[in-house]
């Protein structure tokens, strides 16, 4: 509504900038989107995480403005992570900063039980 009468969609030309008061809230919503996407992909079998046993697993950890993803190092799981990040970019317009992305592959880790 503009001056009491309905108008068309207004287009923004600036968007939200770093330091904006809404930024932390939008980040929380975005991380919730990724969390739900990862849990859904895990439930559908498209994504495999590291499991100690069937009921004890971690898919990801969220920190202040970082996300740590745990995944088996197989092609299907890595492809699904890429798809989730592409969906995030498509729906929100936000993307991962490529130079800040780090991969650490660990092979042959033995689990010790006491």
PDB file of N, CA and C in Angstrom:
ATOM      1  N   UNK A   1       0.841  -1.169   0.000  1.00  0.00           N
ATOM      2  CA  UNK A   1       0.000   0.000   0.000  1.00  0.00           C
ATOM      3  C   UNK A   1       0.895   1.245   0.000  1.00  0.00           C
ATOM      4  N   UNK A   2       0.573   2.158  -0.843  1.00  0.00           N
ATOM      5  CA  UNK A   2       1.283   3.423  -0.903  1.00  0.00           C
ATOM      6  C   UNK A   2       0.257   4.539  -0.929  1.00  0.00           C
ATOM      7  N   UNK A   3       0.270   5.386   0.089  1.00  0.00           N
ATOM      8  CA  UNK A   3      -0.704   6.469   0.224  1.00  0.00           C
ATOM      9  C   UNK A   3      -2.143   5.947   0.192  1.00  0.00           C
ATOM     10  N   UNK A   4      -2.351   4.786   0.800  1.00  0.00           N
ATOM     11  CA  UNK A   4      -3.692   4.245   0.917  1.00  0.00           C
ATOM     12  C   UNK A   4      -4.190   3.437  -0.258  1.00  0.00           C
ATOM     13  N   UNK A   5      -3.411   3.301  -1.336  1.00  0.00           N
ATOM     14  CA  UNK A   5      -3.868   2.500  -2.473  1.00  0.00           C
ATOM     15  C   UNK A   5      -2.808   1.454  -2.818  1.00  0.00           C
ATOM     16  N   UNK A   6      -3.267   0.286  -3.278  1.00  0.00           N
ATOM     17  CA  UNK A   6      -2.315  -0.790  -3.609  1.00  0.00           C
ATOM     18  C   UNK A   6      -1.430  -0.404  -4.788  1.00  0.00           C
ATOM     19  N   UNK A   7      -0.181  -0.789  -4.701  1.00  0.00           N
ATOM     20  CA  UNK A   7       0.773  -0.541  -5.787  1.00  0.00           C
ATOM     21  C   UNK A   7       1.482  -1.839  -6.131  1.00  0.00           C
ATOM     22  N   UNK A   8       2.257  -1.827  -7.174  1.00  0.00           N
ATOM     23  CA  UNK A   8       3.013  -3.004  -7.583  1.00  0.00           C
ATOM     24  C   UNK A   8       4.198  -3.267  -6.660  1.00  0.00           C
ATOM     25  N   UNK A   9       4.980  -4.239  -7.009  1.00  0.00           N
ATOM     26  CA  UNK A   9       6.156  -4.619  -6.231  1.00  0.00           C
ATOM     27  C   UNK A   9       7.233  -3.555  -6.360  1.00  0.00           C
ATOM     28  N   UNK A  10       7.821  -3.156  -5.250  1.00  0.00           N
ATOM     29  CA  UNK A  10       8.906  -2.173  -5.306  1.00  0.00           C
ATOM     30  C   UNK A  10      10.239  -2.918  -5.303  1.00  0.00           C
ATOM     31  N   UNK A  11      11.103  -2.565  -6.205  1.00  0.00           N
ATOM     32  CA  UNK A  11      12.401  -3.225  -6.338  1.00  0.00           C
ATOM     33  C   UNK A  11      13.457  -2.477  -5.541  1.00  0.00           C
ATOM     34  N   UNK A  12      14.238  -3.234  -4.793  1.00  0.00           N
ATOM     35  CA  UNK A  12      15.327  -2.652  -4.018  1.00  0.00           C
ATOM     36  C   UNK A  12      16.579  -2.619  -4.887  1.00  0.00           C
ATOM     37  N   UNK A  13      17.367  -1.590  -4.739  1.00  0.00           N
ATOM     38  CA  UNK A  13      18.589  -1.539  -5.532  1.00  0.00           C
ATOM     39  C   UNK A  13      19.837  -1.581  -4.663  1.00  0.00           C
ATOM     40  N   UNK A  14      19.680  -1.687  -3.355  1.00  0.00           N
ATOM     41  CA  UNK A  14      20.833  -1.717  -2.468  1.00  0.00           C
ATOM     42  C   UNK A  14      20.989  -3.044  -1.751  1.00  0.00           C
ATOM     43  N   UNK A  15      19.970  -3.532  -1.135  1.00  0.00           N
ATOM     44  CA  UNK A  15      20.073  -4.753  -0.360  1.00  0.00           C
ATOM     45  C   UNK A  15      20.622  -4.470   1.030  1.00  0.00           C
ATOM     46  N   UNK A  16      20.943  -5.533   1.734  1.00  0.00           N
ATOM     47  CA  UNK A  16      21.474  -5.399   3.090  1.00  0.00           C
ATOM     48  C   UNK A  16      22.991  -5.446   3.019  1.00  0.00           C
ATOM     49  N   UNK A  17      23.609  -4.546   3.720  1.00  0.00           N
ATOM     50  CA  UNK A  17      25.068  -4.465   3.720  1.00  0.00           C
ATOM     51  C   UNK A  17      25.623  -5.024   5.023  1.00  0.00           C
ATOM     52  N   UNK A  18      26.915  -5.351   4.990  1.00  0.00           N
ATOM     53  CA  UNK A  18      27.583  -5.844   6.181  1.00  0.00           C
ATOM     54  C   UNK A  18      27.473  -4.807   7.285  1.00  0.00           C
ATOM     55  N   UNK A  19      27.172  -5.251   8.498  1.00  0.00           N
ATOM     56  CA  UNK A  19      27.012  -4.338   9.609  1.00  0.00           C
ATOM     57  C   UNK A  19      25.580  -3.889   9.822  1.00  0.00           C
ATOM     58  N   UNK A  20      24.689  -4.214   8.884  1.00  0.00           N
ATOM     59  CA  UNK A  20      23.277  -3.873   9.032  1.00  0.00           C
ATOM     60  C   UNK A  20      22.722  -4.616  10.245  1.00  0.00           C
ATOM     61  N   UNK A  21      21.798  -4.008  10.957  1.00  0.00           N
ATOM     62  CA  UNK A  21      21.237  -4.616  12.160  1.00  0.00           C
ATOM     63  C   UNK A  21      20.478  -5.907  11.872  1.00  0.00           C
ATOM     64  N   UNK A  22      20.005  -6.087  10.639  1.00  0.00           N
ATOM     65  CA  UNK A  22      19.289  -7.318  10.286  1.00  0.00           C
ATOM     66  C   UNK A  22      20.225  -8.474   9.944  1.00  0.00           C
ATOM     67  N   UNK A  23      21.482  -8.202   9.666  1.00  0.00           N
ATOM     68  CA  UNK A  23      22.420  -9.233   9.215  1.00  0.00           C
ATOM     69  C   UNK A  23      22.489 -10.458  10.124  1.00  0.00           C
ATOM     70  N   UNK A  24      22.634 -10.307  11.450  1.00  0.00           N
ATOM     71  CA  UNK A  24      22.697 -11.507  12.298  1.00  0.00           C
ATOM     72  C   UNK A  24      21.445 -12.363  12.213  1.00  0.00           C
ATOM     73  N   UNK A  25      20.281 -11.730  12.110  1.00  0.00           N
ATOM     74  CA  UNK A  25      19.030 -12.489  12.029  1.00  0.00           C
ATOM     75  C   UNK A  25      18.921 -13.239  10.702  1.00  0.00           C
ATOM     76  N   UNK A  26      19.323 -12.587   9.639  1.00  0.00           N
ATOM     77  CA  UNK A  26      19.306 -13.248   8.333  1.00  0.00           C
ATOM     78  C   UNK A  26      20.293 -14.403   8.289  1.00  0.00           C
ATOM     79  N   UNK A  27      21.445 -14.242   8.941  1.00  0.00           N
ATOM     80  CA  UNK A  27      22.421 -15.327   8.996  1.00  0.00           C
ATOM     81  C   UNK A  27      21.844 -16.531   9.733  1.00  0.00           C
ATOM     82  N   UNK A  28      21.154 -16.295  10.837  1.00  0.00           N
ATOM     83  CA  UNK A  28      20.542 -17.391  11.599  1.00  0.00           C
ATOM     84  C   UNK A  28      19.505 -18.115  10.743  1.00  0.00           C
ATOM     85  N   UNK A  29      18.693 -17.369  10.005  1.00  0.00           N
ATOM     86  CA  UNK A  29      17.688 -17.976   9.123  1.00  0.00           C
ATOM     87  C   UNK A  29      18.361 -18.794   8.026  1.00  0.00           C
ATOM     88  N   UNK A  30      19.432 -18.262   7.455  1.00  0.00           N
ATOM     89  CA  UNK A  30      20.166 -18.962   6.410  1.00  0.00           C
ATOM     90  C   UNK A  30      20.776 -20.257   6.940  1.00  0.00           C
ATOM     91  N   UNK A  31      21.369 -20.211   8.125  1.00  0.00           N
ATOM     92  CA  UNK A  31      21.968 -21.414   8.714  1.00  0.00           C
ATOM     93  C   UNK A  31      20.890 -22.446   9.053  1.00  0.00           C
ATOM     94  N   UNK A  32      19.718 -21.982   9.444  1.00  0.00           N
ATOM     95  CA  UNK A  32      18.609 -22.898   9.698  1.00  0.00           C
ATOM     96  C   UNK A  32      18.190 -23.595   8.404  1.00  0.00           C
ATOM     97  N   UNK A  33      18.165 -22.847   7.301  1.00  0.00           N
ATOM     98  CA  UNK A  33      17.867 -23.412   5.981  1.00  0.00           C
ATOM     99  C   UNK A  33      18.872 -24.516   5.636  1.00  0.00           C
ATOM    100  N   UNK A  34      20.162 -24.234   5.841  1.00  0.00           N
ATOM    101  CA  UNK A  34      21.184 -25.242   5.538  1.00  0.00           C
ATOM    102  C   UNK A  34      21.090 -26.442   6.472  1.00  0.00           C
ATOM    103  N   UNK A  35      20.801 -26.203   7.744  1.00  0.00           N
ATOM    104  CA  UNK A  35      20.671 -27.301   8.708  1.00  0.00           C
ATOM    105  C   UNK A  35      19.535 -28.238   8.321  1.00  0.00           C
ATOM    106  N   UNK A  36      18.396 -27.665   7.977  1.00  0.00           N
ATOM    107  CA  UNK A  36      17.249 -28.473   7.574  1.00  0.00           C
ATOM    108  C   UNK A  36      17.558 -29.222   6.274  1.00  0.00           C
ATOM    109  N   UNK A  37      18.226 -28.567   5.333  1.00  0.00           N
ATOM    110  CA  UNK A  37      18.604 -29.213   4.072  1.00  0.00           C
ATOM    111  C   UNK A  37      19.511 -30.412   4.318  1.00  0.00           C
ATOM    112  N   UNK A  38      20.466 -30.261   5.235  1.00  0.00           N
ATOM    113  CA  UNK A  38      21.385 -31.362   5.523  1.00  0.00           C
ATOM    114  C   UNK A  38      20.667 -32.522   6.197  1.00  0.00           C
ATOM    115  N   UNK A  39      19.790 -32.223   7.143  1.00  0.00           N
ATOM    116  CA  UNK A  39      19.043 -33.290   7.818  1.00  0.00           C
ATOM    117  C   UNK A  39      18.122 -34.016   6.836  1.00  0.00           C
ATOM    118  N   UNK A  40      17.495 -33.273   5.932  1.00  0.00           N
ATOM    119  CA  UNK A  40      16.617 -33.877   4.934  1.00  0.00           C
ATOM    120  C   UNK A  40      17.419 -34.766   3.974  1.00  0.00           C
ATOM    121  N   UNK A  41      18.552 -34.276   3.511  1.00  0.00           N
ATOM    122  CA  UNK A  41      19.399 -35.068   2.611  1.00  0.00           C
ATOM    123  C   UNK A  41      19.906 -36.331   3.294  1.00  0.00           C
ATOM    124  N   UNK A  42      20.228 -36.216   4.578  1.00  0.00           N
ATOM    125  CA  UNK A  42      20.674 -37.383   5.344  1.00  0.00           C
ATOM    126  C   UNK A  42      19.546 -38.407   5.454  1.00  0.00           C
ATOM    127  N   UNK A  43      18.325 -37.934   5.755  1.00  0.00           N
ATOM    128  CA  UNK A  43      17.170 -38.826   5.888  1.00  0.00           C
ATOM    129  C   UNK A  43      16.824 -39.509   4.569  1.00  0.00           C
ATOM    130  N   UNK A  44      17.043 -38.807   3.442  1.00  0.00           N
ATOM    131  CA  UNK A  44      16.739 -39.379   2.124  1.00  0.00           C
ATOM    132  C   UNK A  44      17.879 -40.239   1.581  1.00  0.00           C
ATOM    133  N   UNK A  45      18.993 -40.288   2.298  1.00  0.00           N
ATOM    134  CA  UNK A  45      20.122 -41.099   1.867  1.00  0.00           C
ATOM    135  C   UNK A  45      20.980 -40.473   0.782  1.00  0.00           C
ATOM    136  N   UNK A  46      20.819 -39.190   0.547  1.00  0.00           N
ATOM    137  CA  UNK A  46      21.613 -38.513  -0.474  1.00  0.00           C
ATOM    138  C   UNK A  46      22.954 -38.044   0.060  1.00  0.00           C
ATOM    139  N   UNK A  47      23.060 -37.999   1.358  1.00  0.00           N
ATOM    140  CA  UNK A  47      24.234 -37.450   2.030  1.00  0.00           C
ATOM    141  C   UNK A  47      24.640 -38.406   3.141  1.00  0.00           C
ATOM    142  N   UNK A  48      25.903 -38.713   3.243  1.00  0.00           N
ATOM    143  CA  UNK A  48      26.387 -39.615   4.290  1.00  0.00           C
ATOM    144  C   UNK A  48      27.359 -38.866   5.188  1.00  0.00           C
ATOM    145  N   UNK A  49      27.058 -38.852   6.468  1.00  0.00           N
ATOM    146  CA  UNK A  49      27.930 -38.187   7.424  1.00  0.00           C
ATOM    147  C   UNK A  49      28.758 -39.223   8.170  1.00  0.00           C
ATOM    148  N   UNK A  50      29.623 -38.747   9.005  1.00  0.00           N
ATOM    149  CA  UNK A  50      30.461 -39.636   9.813  1.00  0.00           C
ATOM    150  C   UNK A  50      29.628 -40.085  11.003  1.00  0.00           C
ATOM    151  N   UNK A  51      29.528 -41.400  11.183  1.00  0.00           N
ATOM    152  CA  UNK A  51      28.724 -41.953  12.280  1.00  0.00           C
ATOM    153  C   UNK A  51      29.583 -42.832  13.162  1.00  0.00           C
ATOM    154  N   UNK A  52      29.432 -42.651  14.450  1.00  0.00           N
ATOM    155  CA  UNK A  52      30.100 -43.544  15.389  1.00  0.00           C
ATOM    156  C   UNK A  52      29.227 -44.779  15.600  1.00  0.00           C
ATOM    157  N   UNK A  53      27.938 -44.582  15.647  1.00  0.00           N
ATOM    158  CA  UNK A  53      26.956 -45.658  15.684  1.00  0.00           C
ATOM    159  C   UNK A  53      25.670 -45.112  15.060  1.00  0.00           C
ATOM    160  N   UNK A  54      24.660 -45.938  14.835  1.00  0.00           N
ATOM    161  CA  UNK A  54      23.456 -45.474  14.128  1.00  0.00           C
ATOM    162  C   UNK A  54      22.729 -44.301  14.786  1.00  0.00           C
ATOM    163  N   UNK A  55      22.883 -44.119  16.099  1.00  0.00           N
ATOM    164  CA  UNK A  55      22.150 -43.065  16.795  1.00  0.00           C
ATOM    165  C   UNK A  55      23.031 -41.893  17.206  1.00  0.00           C
ATOM    166  N   UNK A  56      24.307 -41.942  16.868  1.00  0.00           N
ATOM    167  CA  UNK A  56      25.241 -40.913  17.298  1.00  0.00           C
ATOM    168  C   UNK A  56      26.009 -40.381  16.092  1.00  0.00           C
ATOM    169  N   UNK A  57      25.603 -39.220  15.594  1.00  0.00           N
ATOM    170  CA  UNK A  57      26.273 -38.659  14.425  1.00  0.00           C
ATOM    171  C   UNK A  57      26.219 -37.132  14.479  1.00  0.00           C
ATOM    172  N   UNK A  58      27.105 -36.507  13.733  1.00  0.00           N
ATOM    173  CA  UNK A  58      27.143 -35.055  13.608  1.00  0.00           C
ATOM    174  C   UNK A  58      27.208 -34.732  12.125  1.00  0.00           C
ATOM    175  N   UNK A  59      26.296 -33.907  11.645  1.00  0.00           N
ATOM    176  CA  UNK A  59      26.325 -33.499  10.246  1.00  0.00           C
ATOM    177  C   UNK A  59      27.090 -32.203  10.063  1.00  0.00           C
ATOM    178  N   UNK A  60      26.940 -31.279  11.039  1.00  0.00           N
ATOM    179  CA  UNK A  60      27.602 -29.992  10.920  1.00  0.00           C
ATOM    180  C   UNK A  60      27.611 -29.278  12.271  1.00  0.00           C
ATOM    181  N   UNK A  61      28.499 -28.307  12.389  1.00  0.00           N
ATOM    182  CA  UNK A  61      28.564 -27.441  13.561  1.00  0.00           C
ATOM    183  C   UNK A  61      28.530 -25.999  13.078  1.00  0.00           C
ATOM    184  N   UNK A  62      27.819 -25.158  13.796  1.00  0.00           N
ATOM    185  CA  UNK A  62      27.728 -23.743  13.446  1.00  0.00           C
ATOM    186  C   UNK A  62      28.433 -22.918  14.511  1.00  0.00           C
ATOM    187  N   UNK A  63      29.237 -21.978  14.058  1.00  0.00           N
ATOM    188  CA  UNK A  63      29.916 -21.045  14.941  1.00  0.00           C
ATOM    189  C   UNK A  63      29.421 -19.647  14.599  1.00  0.00           C
ATOM    190  N   UNK A  64      30.048 -18.623  15.118  1.00  0.00           N
ATOM    191  CA  UNK A  64      29.586 -17.246  14.932  1.00  0.00           C
ATOM    192  C   UNK A  64      29.178 -16.963  13.490  1.00  0.00           C
ATOM    193  N   UNK A  65      30.079 -17.092  12.552  1.00  0.00           N
ATOM    194  CA  UNK A  65      29.726 -16.888  11.146  1.00  0.00           C
ATOM    195  C   UNK A  65      30.378 -17.948  10.267  1.00  0.00           C
ATOM    196  N   UNK A  66      30.596 -19.107  10.840  1.00  0.00           N
ATOM    197  CA  UNK A  66      31.227 -20.214  10.128  1.00  0.00           C
ATOM    198  C   UNK A  66      30.386 -21.473  10.255  1.00  0.00           C
ATOM    199  N   UNK A  67      30.589 -22.374   9.306  1.00  0.00           N
ATOM    200  CA  UNK A  67      29.913 -23.663   9.331  1.00  0.00           C
ATOM    201  C   UNK A  67      30.936 -24.745   9.044  1.00  0.00           C
ATOM    202  N   UNK A  68      30.969 -25.765   9.889  1.00  0.00           N
ATOM    203  CA  UNK A  68      31.866 -26.894   9.728  1.00  0.00           C
ATOM    204  C   UNK A  68      31.013 -28.102   9.356  1.00  0.00           C
ATOM    205  N   UNK A  69      31.248 -28.674   8.178  1.00  0.00           N
ATOM    206  CA  UNK A  69      30.432 -29.778   7.667  1.00  0.00           C
ATOM    207  C   UNK A  69      31.226 -31.066   7.761  1.00  0.00           C
ATOM    208  N   UNK A  70      30.593 -32.113   8.284  1.00  0.00           N
ATOM    209  CA  UNK A  70      31.202 -33.431   8.371  1.00  0.00           C
ATOM    210  C   UNK A  70      30.537 -34.332   7.338  1.00  0.00           C
ATOM    211  N   UNK A  71      31.356 -34.996   6.536  1.00  0.00           N
ATOM    212  CA  UNK A  71      30.813 -35.833   5.477  1.00  0.00           C
ATOM    213  C   UNK A  71      31.772 -36.969   5.182  1.00  0.00           C
ATOM    214  N   UNK A  72      31.211 -38.070   4.737  1.00  0.00           N
ATOM    215  CA  UNK A  72      32.066 -39.119   4.193  1.00  0.00           C
ATOM    216  C   UNK A  72      32.660 -38.598   2.898  1.00  0.00           C
ATOM    217  N   UNK A  73      33.859 -39.014   2.613  1.00  0.00           N
ATOM    218  CA  UNK A  73      34.563 -38.518   1.419  1.00  0.00           C
ATOM    219  C   UNK A  73      34.201 -39.357   0.200  1.00  0.00           C
ATOM    220  N   UNK A  74      32.904 -39.383  -0.120  1.00  0.00           N
ATOM    221  CA  UNK A  74      32.499 -40.068  -1.338  1.00  0.00           C
ATOM    222  C   UNK A  74      31.864 -39.054  -2.286  1.00  0.00           C
ATOM    223  N   UNK A  75      31.841 -39.403  -3.536  1.00  0.00           N
ATOM    224  CA  UNK A  75      31.382 -38.485  -4.580  1.00  0.00           C
ATOM    225  C   UNK A  75      29.940 -38.038  -4.368  1.00  0.00           C
ATOM    226  N   UNK A  76      29.068 -38.959  -3.986  1.00  0.00           N
ATOM    227  CA  UNK A  76      27.646 -38.637  -3.814  1.00  0.00           C
ATOM    228  C   UNK A  76      27.431 -37.614  -2.700  1.00  0.00           C
ATOM    229  N   UNK A  77      28.107 -37.780  -1.572  1.00  0.00           N
ATOM    230  CA  UNK A  77      27.940 -36.851  -0.450  1.00  0.00           C
ATOM    231  C   UNK A  77      28.473 -35.466  -0.789  1.00  0.00           C
ATOM    232  N   UNK A  78      29.638 -35.414  -1.415  1.00  0.00           N
ATOM    233  CA  UNK A  78      30.213 -34.120  -1.780  1.00  0.00           C
ATOM    234  C   UNK A  78      29.365 -33.415  -2.836  1.00  0.00           C
ATOM    235  N   UNK A  79      28.800 -34.198  -3.755  1.00  0.00           N
ATOM    236  CA  UNK A  79      27.913 -33.617  -4.768  1.00  0.00           C
ATOM    237  C   UNK A  79      26.657 -33.049  -4.117  1.00  0.00           C
ATOM    238  N   UNK A  80      26.124 -33.740  -3.114  1.00  0.00           N
ATOM    239  CA  UNK A  80      24.923 -33.268  -2.418  1.00  0.00           C
ATOM    240  C   UNK A  80      25.202 -31.977  -1.639  1.00  0.00           C
ATOM    241  N   UNK A  81      26.376 -31.870  -1.035  1.00  0.00           N
ATOM    242  CA  UNK A  81      26.744 -30.630  -0.349  1.00  0.00           C
ATOM    243  C   UNK A  81      26.791 -29.479  -1.346  1.00  0.00           C
ATOM    244  N   UNK A  82      27.372 -29.739  -2.511  1.00  0.00           N
ATOM    245  CA  UNK A  82      27.441 -28.714  -3.555  1.00  0.00           C
ATOM    246  C   UNK A  82      26.033 -28.303  -3.990  1.00  0.00           C
ATOM    247  N   UNK A  83      25.137 -29.273  -4.149  1.00  0.00           N
ATOM    248  CA  UNK A  83      23.750 -28.990  -4.548  1.00  0.00           C
ATOM    249  C   UNK A  83      23.056 -28.138  -3.487  1.00  0.00           C
ATOM    250  N   UNK A  84      23.268 -28.458  -2.199  1.00  0.00           N
ATOM    251  CA  UNK A  84      22.645 -27.682  -1.120  1.00  0.00           C
ATOM    252  C   UNK A  84      23.130 -26.230  -1.145  1.00  0.00           C
ATOM    253  N   UNK A  85      24.421 -26.030  -1.381  1.00  0.00           N
ATOM    254  CA  UNK A  85      24.962 -24.676  -1.435  1.00  0.00           C
ATOM    255  C   UNK A  85      24.461 -23.915  -2.666  1.00  0.00           C
ATOM    256  N   UNK A  86      24.283 -24.630  -3.774  1.00  0.00           N
ATOM    257  CA  UNK A  86      23.726 -23.995  -4.973  1.00  0.00           C
ATOM    258  C   UNK A  86      22.264 -23.603  -4.759  1.00  0.00           C
ATOM    259  N   UNK A  87      21.501 -24.448  -4.058  1.00  0.00           N
ATOM    260  CA  UNK A  87      20.108 -24.113  -3.735  1.00  0.00           C
ATOM    261  C   UNK A  87      20.048 -22.876  -2.844  1.00  0.00           C
ATOM    262  N   UNK A  88      20.963 -22.824  -1.865  1.00  0.00           N
ATOM    263  CA  UNK A  88      21.019 -21.666  -0.988  1.00  0.00           C
ATOM    264  C   UNK A  88      21.262 -20.394  -1.809  1.00  0.00           C
ATOM    265  N   UNK A  89      22.186 -20.470  -2.757  1.00  0.00           N
ATOM    266  CA  UNK A  89      22.486 -19.318  -3.602  1.00  0.00           C
ATOM    267  C   UNK A  89      21.282 -18.944  -4.456  1.00  0.00           C
ATOM    268  N   UNK A  90      20.606 -19.948  -4.994  1.00  0.00           N
ATOM    269  CA  UNK A  90      19.437 -19.701  -5.842  1.00  0.00           C
ATOM    270  C   UNK A  90      18.309 -19.030  -5.053  1.00  0.00           C
ATOM    271  N   UNK A  91      18.012 -19.547  -3.851  1.00  0.00           N
ATOM    272  CA  UNK A  91      16.889 -19.036  -3.065  1.00  0.00           C
ATOM    273  C   UNK A  91      17.183 -17.717  -2.370  1.00  0.00           C
ATOM    274  N   UNK A  92      18.439 -17.490  -1.988  1.00  0.00           N
ATOM    275  CA  UNK A  92      18.743 -16.305  -1.185  1.00  0.00           C
ATOM    276  C   UNK A  92      19.595 -15.267  -1.912  1.00  0.00           C
ATOM    277  N   UNK A  93      20.288 -15.668  -2.947  1.00  0.00           N
ATOM    278  CA  UNK A  93      21.204 -14.755  -3.623  1.00  0.00           C
ATOM    279  C   UNK A  93      22.558 -14.676  -2.943  1.00  0.00           C
ATOM    280  N   UNK A  94      22.726 -15.409  -1.828  1.00  0.00           N
ATOM    281  CA  UNK A  94      23.989 -15.417  -1.100  1.00  0.00           C
ATOM    282  C   UNK A  94      24.799 -16.640  -1.487  1.00  0.00           C
ATOM    283  N   UNK A  95      26.101 -16.469  -1.572  1.00  0.00           N
ATOM    284  CA  UNK A  95      26.939 -17.599  -1.950  1.00  0.00           C
ATOM    285  C   UNK A  95      28.131 -17.721  -1.017  1.00  0.00           C
ATOM    286  N   UNK A  96      28.783 -18.844  -1.077  1.00  0.00           N
ATOM    287  CA  UNK A  96      29.964 -19.119  -0.269  1.00  0.00           C
ATOM    288  C   UNK A  96      31.146 -18.369  -0.866  1.00  0.00           C
ATOM    289  N   UNK A  97      31.962 -17.790  -0.015  1.00  0.00           N
ATOM    290  CA  UNK A  97      33.159 -17.099  -0.477  1.00  0.00           C
ATOM    291  C   UNK A  97      34.230 -18.162  -0.727  1.00  0.00           C
ATOM    292  N   UNK A  98      34.498 -18.437  -1.992  1.00  0.00           N
ATOM    293  CA  UNK A  98      35.375 -19.549  -2.372  1.00  0.00           C
ATOM    294  C   UNK A  98      36.760 -19.520  -1.721  1.00  0.00           C
ATOM    295  N   UNK A  99      37.460 -18.373  -1.641  1.00  0.00           N
ATOM    296  CA  UNK A  99      38.789 -18.397  -1.013  1.00  0.00           C
ATOM    297  C   UNK A  99      38.769 -18.785   0.468  1.00  0.00           C
ATOM    298  N   UNK A 100      37.612 -18.677   1.123  1.00  0.00           N
ATOM    299  CA  UNK A 100      37.524 -19.022   2.543  1.00  0.00           C
ATOM    300  C   UNK A 100      37.162 -20.485   2.778  1.00  0.00           C
ATOM    301  N   UNK A 101      36.849 -21.232   1.727  1.00  0.00           N
ATOM    302  CA  UNK A 101      36.457 -22.627   1.870  1.00  0.00           C
ATOM    303  C   UNK A 101      37.705 -23.485   2.042  1.00  0.00           C
ATOM    304  N   UNK A 102      37.678 -24.361   3.052  1.00  0.00           N
ATOM    305  CA  UNK A 102      38.791 -25.271   3.315  1.00  0.00           C
ATOM    306  C   UNK A 102      38.260 -26.704   3.358  1.00  0.00           C
ATOM    307  N   UNK A 103      38.983 -27.622   2.739  1.00  0.00           N
ATOM    308  CA  UNK A 103      38.639 -29.035   2.783  1.00  0.00           C
ATOM    309  C   UNK A 103      39.747 -29.776   3.513  1.00  0.00           C
ATOM    310  N   UNK A 104      39.374 -30.667   4.405  1.00  0.00           N
ATOM    311  CA  UNK A 104      40.328 -31.534   5.081  1.00  0.00           C
ATOM    312  C   UNK A 104      39.813 -32.954   4.955  1.00  0.00           C
ATOM    313  N   UNK A 105      40.555 -33.777   4.276  1.00  0.00           N
ATOM    314  CA  UNK A 105      40.170 -35.171   4.108  1.00  0.00           C
ATOM    315  C   UNK A 105      40.993 -36.036   5.058  1.00  0.00           C
ATOM    316  N   UNK A 106      40.320 -36.919   5.755  1.00  0.00           N
ATOM    317  CA  UNK A 106      40.968 -37.816   6.696  1.00  0.00           C
ATOM    318  C   UNK A 106      40.640 -39.231   6.260  1.00  0.00           C
ATOM    319  N   UNK A 107      41.666 -40.047   6.100  1.00  0.00           N
ATOM    320  CA  UNK A 107      41.464 -41.415   5.631  1.00  0.00           C
ATOM    321  C   UNK A 107      41.997 -42.395   6.672  1.00  0.00           C
ATOM    322  N   UNK A 108      41.243 -43.441   6.892  1.00  0.00           N
ATOM    323  CA  UNK A 108      41.718 -44.528   7.740  1.00  0.00           C
ATOM    324  C   UNK A 108      41.741 -44.218   9.217  1.00  0.00           C
ATOM    325  N   UNK A 109      40.830 -43.409   9.707  1.00  0.00           N
ATOM    326  CA  UNK A 109      40.803 -43.093  11.131  1.00  0.00           C
ATOM    327  C   UNK A 109      40.130 -44.245  11.867  1.00  0.00           C
ATOM    328  N   UNK A 110      40.801 -44.739  12.872  1.00  0.00           N
ATOM    329  CA  UNK A 110      40.260 -45.842  13.685  1.00  0.00           C
ATOM    330  C   UNK A 110      39.513 -45.268  14.880  1.00  0.00           C
ATOM    331  N   UNK A 111      38.389 -45.856  15.207  1.00  0.00           N
ATOM    332  CA  UNK A 111      37.612 -45.448  16.377  1.00  0.00           C
ATOM    333  C   UNK A 111      37.977 -46.331  17.538  1.00  0.00           C
ATOM    334  N   UNK A 112      38.345 -45.714  18.652  1.00  0.00           N
ATOM    335  CA  UNK A 112      38.682 -46.474  19.853  1.00  0.00           C
ATOM    336  C   UNK A 112      37.507 -46.454  20.821  1.00  0.00           C
ATOM    337  N   UNK A 113      37.148 -47.590  21.339  1.00  0.00           N
ATOM    338  CA  UNK A 113      36.079 -47.676  22.344  1.00  0.00           C
ATOM    339  C   UNK A 113      36.690 -48.138  23.649  1.00  0.00           C
ATOM    340  N   UNK A 114      36.294 -47.451  24.710  1.00  0.00           N
ATOM    341  CA  UNK A 114      36.818 -47.802  26.044  1.00  0.00           C
ATOM    342  C   UNK A 114      35.872 -48.701  26.771  1.00  0.00           C
TER     343      UNK A 114
END
